[in-house]
Amino acid sequence: MGSHYFVFVETDKTTAMQLVIVTKEADSYFKHLRLRTHLSRIAETCADICFLKRSLNLCLRWYKVDTYYPEGTVDNMQKIVVLEDQAEQALRLQQMLEKYASCHTDFTYSFRHYERAIPLLTEYKCDADVLFLDIQVPDMSGMEVARRIRAMDEKVIIIFITMLTQYAIEGYSVGAFDYVLKPVRYEEFSAKLDRVCRMLAHQNSYVTLEVRTKEEIRLISADDISYIEVSNHDILIHANGEVLRQWGNLKSYEDKLAASHFVRCNACYLVNLKYVRGINGDTVTVGQDELTVSKAKRKEFLMAVAQYKGGSR
């Protein structure tokens, strides 16, 4: 048999996952797909592939697309979650992801689809890389979902799916990365995924700082740091909801983090641009905190934010 892929089929919510092995012949069809369905038969050999293809074609019309991943790609794949109440729109997104993956061999992903907001919020484990949110779903607005997700997870990349461009501005309040307009076109979708991949590559660059507290020495990923500030000759590192106090000067951290998109908004703050959620006058919202943008740093800081959000990195 050829290269194996694992296809998981869950017959209902209480039964265990059943494993199906298919050959490379089915790769193009099954790649990055996992279904929760009520299939009455499980294909176990190459001879059953045609049957399974027909069954999955039928199931895609009636059942919620869940997640699938090929063997050996789990560590490197991007976890993509979609909130979309229209099954055909969710399927279209999945097909465009499949097309993108076929053109970018280093891009692997899992795909999980929710038709309602409450199950997504209930099950969310803060482990998604990218979250596509439909602005309008029956049980809650996509904007409110984004606010609740952002309160739990500051790292996930949020992209809104909408028919109205007005939500692009409001999206900054929840740290949205971007938006796509319905009907979604592949060219636009692909360009935004290019930007997403660049950001994820930066997040996975594993720049670390050695942080010495009174109790211990810790290694902190630069990606987990929202900003660093100077206070009474101490350095305060804001990371993962903690504030770590250090001796040192801000310039040394600025030098260490120069390649990790950290920029000063004034003499006292060094900001990770990934956590910038909005700018209002002389105030920048970083995570849950509001920091002052000085006149001296304003032009440089705004340009850095615009380049970062625009993908010029």
Protein backbone atom coordinates (compact mmCIF):
# COMPACT_ATOMS: atom_id res chain seq x y z
CA MET A 1 0.00 0.00 0.00
CA GLY A 2 1.09 3.64 -0.51
CA SER A 3 1.63 6.39 2.05
CA HIS A 4 -0.97 6.14 4.77
CA TYR A 5 -3.28 8.80 6.05
CA PHE A 6 -5.51 8.53 9.06
CA VAL A 7 -9.18 9.37 8.64
CA PHE A 8 -11.17 9.53 11.85
CA VAL A 9 -14.90 8.93 11.84
CA GLU A 10 -16.98 9.40 14.97
CA THR A 11 -20.29 7.56 14.79
CA ASP A 12 -21.79 9.63 17.59
CA LYS A 13 -20.68 11.84 20.48
CA THR A 14 -20.32 8.97 22.94
CA THR A 15 -18.48 6.34 20.94
CA ALA A 16 -14.73 6.19 20.56
CA MET A 17 -12.97 7.31 17.39
CA GLN A 18 -12.59 4.60 14.79
CA LEU A 19 -9.48 4.56 12.63
CA VAL A 20 -9.56 4.18 8.88
CA ILE A 21 -6.39 3.73 6.83
CA VAL A 22 -6.50 4.76 3.17
CA THR A 23 -3.79 4.80 0.54
CA LYS A 24 -2.12 7.71 -1.19
CA GLU A 25 -4.70 7.27 -3.99
CA ALA A 26 -7.20 9.03 -1.75
CA ASP A 27 -4.80 11.72 -0.54
CA SER A 28 -6.16 14.55 -2.67
CA TYR A 29 -9.68 13.88 -1.44
CA PHE A 30 -9.06 13.27 2.23
CA LYS A 31 -6.23 15.67 2.95
CA HIS A 32 -6.98 17.86 5.99
CA LEU A 33 -10.49 16.56 6.58
CA ARG A 34 -12.06 14.81 9.51
CA LEU A 35 -15.77 14.15 9.76
CA ARG A 36 -18.18 13.59 12.58
CA THR A 37 -20.99 11.64 10.98
CA HIS A 38 -23.28 8.65 11.17
CA LEU A 39 -21.58 6.56 8.50
CA SER A 40 -23.05 3.10 8.64
CA ARG A 41 -19.94 1.52 7.21
CA ILE A 42 -16.19 2.12 7.78
CA ALA A 43 -13.86 1.63 4.84
CA GLU A 44 -10.81 -0.37 5.91
CA THR A 45 -9.09 -1.30 2.67
CA CYS A 46 -8.21 0.17 -0.67
CA ALA A 47 -11.22 -1.57 -2.20
CA ASP A 48 -13.54 0.53 -0.04
CA ILE A 49 -12.15 3.91 -1.07
CA CYS A 50 -14.75 4.55 -3.75
CA PHE A 51 -17.54 3.75 -1.31
CA LEU A 52 -16.03 6.05 1.29
CA LYS A 53 -15.70 8.87 -1.23
CA ARG A 54 -19.36 8.58 -2.16
CA SER A 55 -20.34 8.45 1.51
CA LEU A 56 -18.28 11.50 2.40
CA ASN A 57 -19.72 13.45 -0.52
CA LEU A 58 -23.16 12.74 0.89
CA CYS A 59 -22.13 13.49 4.46
CA LEU A 60 -20.58 16.83 3.56
CA ARG A 61 -24.05 18.01 2.60
CA TRP A 62 -25.66 16.93 5.85
CA TYR A 63 -23.12 16.85 8.65
CA LYS A 64 -20.86 19.33 10.35
CA VAL A 65 -17.28 19.34 9.09
CA ASP A 66 -14.98 18.71 12.04
CA THR A 67 -11.22 18.13 11.72
CA TYR A 68 -8.77 15.85 9.97
CA TYR A 69 -5.00 15.68 9.82
CA PRO A 70 -2.51 13.47 7.95
CA GLU A 71 -0.19 11.20 9.87
CA GLY A 72 2.99 12.92 11.01
CA THR A 73 1.82 16.53 10.57
CA VAL A 74 0.30 17.18 13.99
CA ASP A 75 3.27 19.05 15.44
CA ASN A 76 3.54 21.49 12.53
CA MET A 77 -0.05 21.98 11.44
CA GLN A 78 -2.03 25.16 11.98
CA LYS A 79 -5.24 24.74 13.95
CA ILE A 80 -8.01 26.57 12.13
CA VAL A 81 -11.46 27.07 13.68
CA VAL A 82 -14.45 28.41 11.72
CA LEU A 83 -17.72 29.80 13.08
CA GLU A 84 -20.15 29.84 10.16
CA ASP A 85 -23.85 28.94 10.30
CA GLN A 86 -24.14 28.31 6.55
CA ALA A 87 -22.81 24.87 5.67
CA GLU A 88 -22.05 25.78 2.06
CA GLN A 89 -19.93 28.76 3.16
CA ALA A 90 -18.01 26.60 5.63
CA LEU A 91 -17.42 24.00 2.93
CA ARG A 92 -16.20 26.71 0.55
CA LEU A 93 -13.66 27.89 3.15
CA GLN A 94 -12.49 24.32 3.64
CA GLN A 95 -12.10 23.86 -0.12
CA MET A 96 -10.05 27.06 -0.39
CA LEU A 97 -7.84 25.90 2.48
CA GLU A 98 -7.36 22.64 0.61
CA LYS A 99 -6.43 24.51 -2.56
CA TYR A 100 -4.01 26.73 -0.64
CA ALA A 101 -2.40 23.68 0.97
CA SER A 102 -1.98 22.00 -2.41
CA CYS A 103 -0.04 25.07 -3.62
CA HIS A 104 2.00 25.47 -0.42
CA THR A 105 3.52 22.16 0.59
CA ASP A 106 4.78 23.54 3.92
CA PHE A 107 1.24 24.50 4.98
CA THR A 108 -0.66 21.83 6.94
CA TYR A 109 -3.73 22.41 9.04
CA SER A 110 -6.63 20.99 10.97
CA PHE A 111 -10.13 22.32 10.33
CA ARG A 112 -12.90 22.55 12.90
CA HIS A 113 -16.30 24.01 12.10
CA TYR A 114 -18.99 25.35 14.42
CA GLU A 115 -22.44 26.41 13.29
CA ARG A 116 -23.29 28.11 16.60
CA ALA A 117 -21.34 30.37 18.94
CA ILE A 118 -22.21 28.79 22.29
CA PRO A 119 -20.64 25.37 21.53
CA LEU A 120 -17.51 27.13 20.27
CA LEU A 121 -17.18 29.22 23.44
CA THR A 122 -17.94 26.22 25.65
CA GLU A 123 -15.38 23.95 23.99
CA TYR A 124 -12.67 26.53 23.23
CA LYS A 125 -9.30 25.47 24.68
CA CYS A 126 -7.14 28.46 23.68
CA ASP A 127 -5.16 26.27 21.28
CA ALA A 128 -6.35 27.59 17.90
CA ASP A 129 -3.96 29.42 15.58
CA VAL A 130 -6.58 31.05 13.35
CA LEU A 131 -10.25 31.78 14.04
CA PHE A 132 -12.60 32.68 11.17
CA LEU A 133 -15.76 34.26 12.60
CA ASP A 134 -18.97 34.94 10.71
CA ILE A 135 -20.27 38.30 11.91
CA GLN A 136 -23.86 37.08 11.97
CA VAL A 137 -24.75 33.72 13.49
CA PRO A 138 -28.14 32.93 15.07
CA ASP A 139 -27.21 32.72 18.76
CA MET A 140 -24.64 35.53 19.12
CA SER A 141 -22.90 38.18 17.03
CA GLY A 142 -19.44 37.32 15.77
CA MET A 143 -18.14 40.51 17.36
CA GLU A 144 -19.34 39.40 20.80
CA VAL A 145 -17.81 35.97 20.24
CA ALA A 146 -14.52 37.68 19.40
CA ARG A 147 -14.66 39.73 22.62
CA ARG A 148 -15.20 36.60 24.70
CA ILE A 149 -12.50 34.66 22.87
CA ARG A 150 -10.05 37.53 23.21
CA ALA A 151 -10.67 37.64 26.96
CA MET A 152 -9.51 34.02 27.09
CA ASP A 153 -6.89 34.00 24.35
CA GLU A 154 -4.81 37.00 23.28
CA LYS A 155 -2.72 35.00 20.82
CA VAL A 156 -5.24 33.57 18.34
CA ILE A 157 -5.47 35.29 14.95
CA ILE A 158 -9.06 36.45 14.38
CA ILE A 159 -10.42 37.03 10.87
CA PHE A 160 -14.02 38.14 10.37
CA ILE A 161 -16.22 36.82 7.57
CA THR A 162 -18.71 39.52 6.63
CA MET A 163 -20.69 41.17 3.86
CA LEU A 164 -20.11 44.66 5.27
CA THR A 165 -16.77 46.48 5.39
CA GLN A 166 -17.93 48.59 8.35
CA TYR A 167 -17.01 45.71 10.66
CA ALA A 168 -13.36 46.04 9.70
CA ILE A 169 -13.06 49.19 11.84
CA GLU A 170 -14.95 47.71 14.78
CA GLY A 171 -12.75 44.62 14.53
CA TYR A 172 -9.75 46.54 15.83
CA SER A 173 -11.43 46.73 19.25
CA VAL A 174 -11.02 42.96 19.59
CA GLY A 175 -7.61 42.76 17.98
CA ALA A 176 -8.90 41.33 14.71
CA PHE A 177 -6.16 40.52 12.22
CA ASP A 178 -8.28 41.10 9.12
CA TYR A 179 -11.62 40.38 7.45
CA VAL A 180 -12.83 38.69 4.27
CA LEU A 181 -15.91 39.74 2.35
CA LYS A 182 -18.63 37.36 1.22
CA PRO A 183 -18.75 35.85 -1.29
CA VAL A 184 -15.18 34.84 -0.50
CA ARG A 185 -12.83 34.86 -3.49
CA TYR A 186 -9.83 32.57 -3.48
CA GLU A 187 -7.36 35.28 -4.59
CA GLU A 188 -8.26 37.48 -1.61
CA PHE A 189 -8.38 34.51 0.74
CA SER A 190 -4.96 33.30 -0.41
CA ALA A 191 -3.38 36.72 0.08
CA LYS A 192 -4.67 36.90 3.64
CA LEU A 193 -3.43 33.38 4.38
CA ASP A 194 0.00 34.45 3.14
CA ARG A 195 -0.02 37.16 5.80
CA VAL A 196 -1.29 34.73 8.43
CA CYS A 197 1.53 32.31 7.64
CA ARG A 198 4.12 35.05 7.96
CA MET A 199 2.74 35.99 11.35
CA LEU A 200 2.62 32.37 12.52
CA ALA A 201 6.19 31.86 11.32
CA HIS A 202 7.19 34.83 13.46
CA GLN A 203 5.29 33.44 16.44
CA ASN A 204 7.09 30.14 16.06
CA SER A 205 10.57 31.68 15.85
CA TYR A 206 11.10 30.87 19.55
CA VAL A 207 12.97 34.00 20.61
CA THR A 208 13.33 33.61 24.36
CA LEU A 209 14.43 35.78 27.26
CA GLU A 210 16.05 34.56 30.42
CA VAL A 211 14.11 36.13 33.27
CA ARG A 212 15.61 36.03 36.76
CA THR A 213 13.16 36.50 39.62
CA LYS A 214 13.89 36.20 43.33
CA GLU A 215 12.53 32.67 43.30
CA GLU A 216 13.76 31.22 40.01
CA ILE A 217 15.25 31.62 36.55
CA ARG A 218 12.67 31.33 33.78
CA LEU A 219 12.76 31.25 30.00
CA ILE A 220 9.98 33.39 28.52
CA SER A 221 9.05 33.29 24.85
CA ALA A 222 9.09 36.75 23.28
CA ASP A 223 5.79 35.83 21.65
CA ASP A 224 4.16 35.61 25.10
CA ILE A 225 5.26 39.12 26.09
CA SER A 226 2.69 41.85 25.40
CA TYR A 227 4.89 44.74 26.50
CA ILE A 228 7.81 45.73 28.72
CA GLU A 229 7.90 48.87 30.85
CA VAL A 230 10.27 50.82 33.05
CA SER A 231 9.09 51.63 36.58
CA ASN A 232 11.29 53.13 39.28
CA HIS A 233 14.47 51.83 37.62
CA ASP A 234 12.98 48.33 37.39
CA ILE A 235 11.95 46.46 34.25
CA LEU A 236 8.42 45.03 34.33
CA ILE A 237 7.74 42.27 31.79
CA HIS A 238 4.05 41.69 31.05
CA ALA A 239 3.61 38.11 29.83
CA ASN A 240 0.73 35.62 29.98
CA GLY A 241 -1.15 37.68 32.56
CA GLU A 242 1.90 37.93 34.83
CA VAL A 243 4.16 40.86 35.62
CA LEU A 244 7.81 39.87 36.15
CA ARG A 245 10.16 42.38 37.78
CA GLN A 246 13.76 42.62 36.58
CA TRP A 247 16.88 44.73 36.92
CA GLY A 248 18.14 46.25 33.70
CA ASN A 249 17.37 48.90 31.13
CA LEU A 250 14.81 49.04 28.35
CA LYS A 251 17.42 49.61 25.65
CA SER A 252 18.95 46.17 26.22
CA TYR A 253 15.54 44.51 25.76
CA GLU A 254 14.86 46.64 22.72
CA ASP A 255 18.07 45.34 21.14
CA LYS A 256 17.30 41.71 22.02
CA LEU A 257 13.78 41.95 20.60
CA ALA A 258 14.49 44.06 17.54
CA ALA A 259 13.64 41.20 15.15
CA SER A 260 10.48 40.24 17.04
CA HIS A 261 8.35 43.31 16.23
CA PHE A 262 8.78 45.15 19.52
CA VAL A 263 8.58 48.93 19.15
CA ARG A 264 8.60 51.77 21.68
CA CYS A 265 5.44 53.85 21.95
CA ASN A 266 7.21 56.17 24.39
CA ALA A 267 10.37 56.21 26.46
CA CYS A 268 8.89 53.88 29.10
CA TYR A 269 7.12 51.19 27.04
CA LEU A 270 8.36 48.59 24.56
CA VAL A 271 5.32 47.06 22.81
CA ASN A 272 4.86 43.72 21.04
CA LEU A 273 2.91 44.82 17.93
CA LYS A 274 1.04 41.52 17.86
CA TYR A 275 -0.92 42.59 20.93
CA VAL A 276 -1.91 46.04 19.66
CA ARG A 277 -5.71 46.08 19.59
CA GLY A 278 -6.32 49.70 18.68
CA ILE A 279 -5.03 53.27 18.72
CA ASN A 280 -7.17 56.21 19.82
CA GLY A 281 -5.45 59.57 19.79
CA ASP A 282 -2.41 59.34 22.04
CA THR A 283 -3.48 56.01 23.58
CA VAL A 284 -2.69 52.51 22.33
CA THR A 285 -4.54 49.46 23.63
CA VAL A 286 -2.13 46.57 24.18
CA GLY A 287 -3.91 43.44 25.33
CA GLN A 288 -6.14 44.69 28.14
CA ASP A 289 -3.99 47.72 28.99
CA GLU A 290 -3.93 51.28 27.67
CA LEU A 291 -0.53 52.91 27.17
CA THR A 292 0.44 56.44 26.19
CA VAL A 293 1.94 57.17 22.79
CA SER A 294 4.37 60.08 23.06
CA LYS A 295 4.62 62.81 20.43
CA ALA A 296 8.28 61.93 19.88
CA LYS A 297 7.51 58.26 19.14
CA ARG A 298 4.08 58.66 17.52
CA LYS A 299 5.08 58.75 13.84
CA GLU A 300 7.55 55.89 14.12
CA PHE A 301 5.14 53.80 16.20
CA LEU A 302 2.14 54.33 13.89
CA MET A 303 4.22 53.45 10.86
CA ALA A 304 5.46 50.26 12.54
CA VAL A 305 1.90 49.26 13.44
CA ALA A 306 0.65 49.97 9.90
CA GLN A 307 3.45 47.90 8.35
CA TYR A 308 2.90 45.04 10.78
CA LYS A 309 -0.89 44.93 10.31
CA GLY A 310 -0.48 45.37 6.57
CA GLY A 311 1.86 42.39 6.24
CA SER A 312 5.06 44.22 5.31
CA ARG A 313 7.23 42.05 7.54
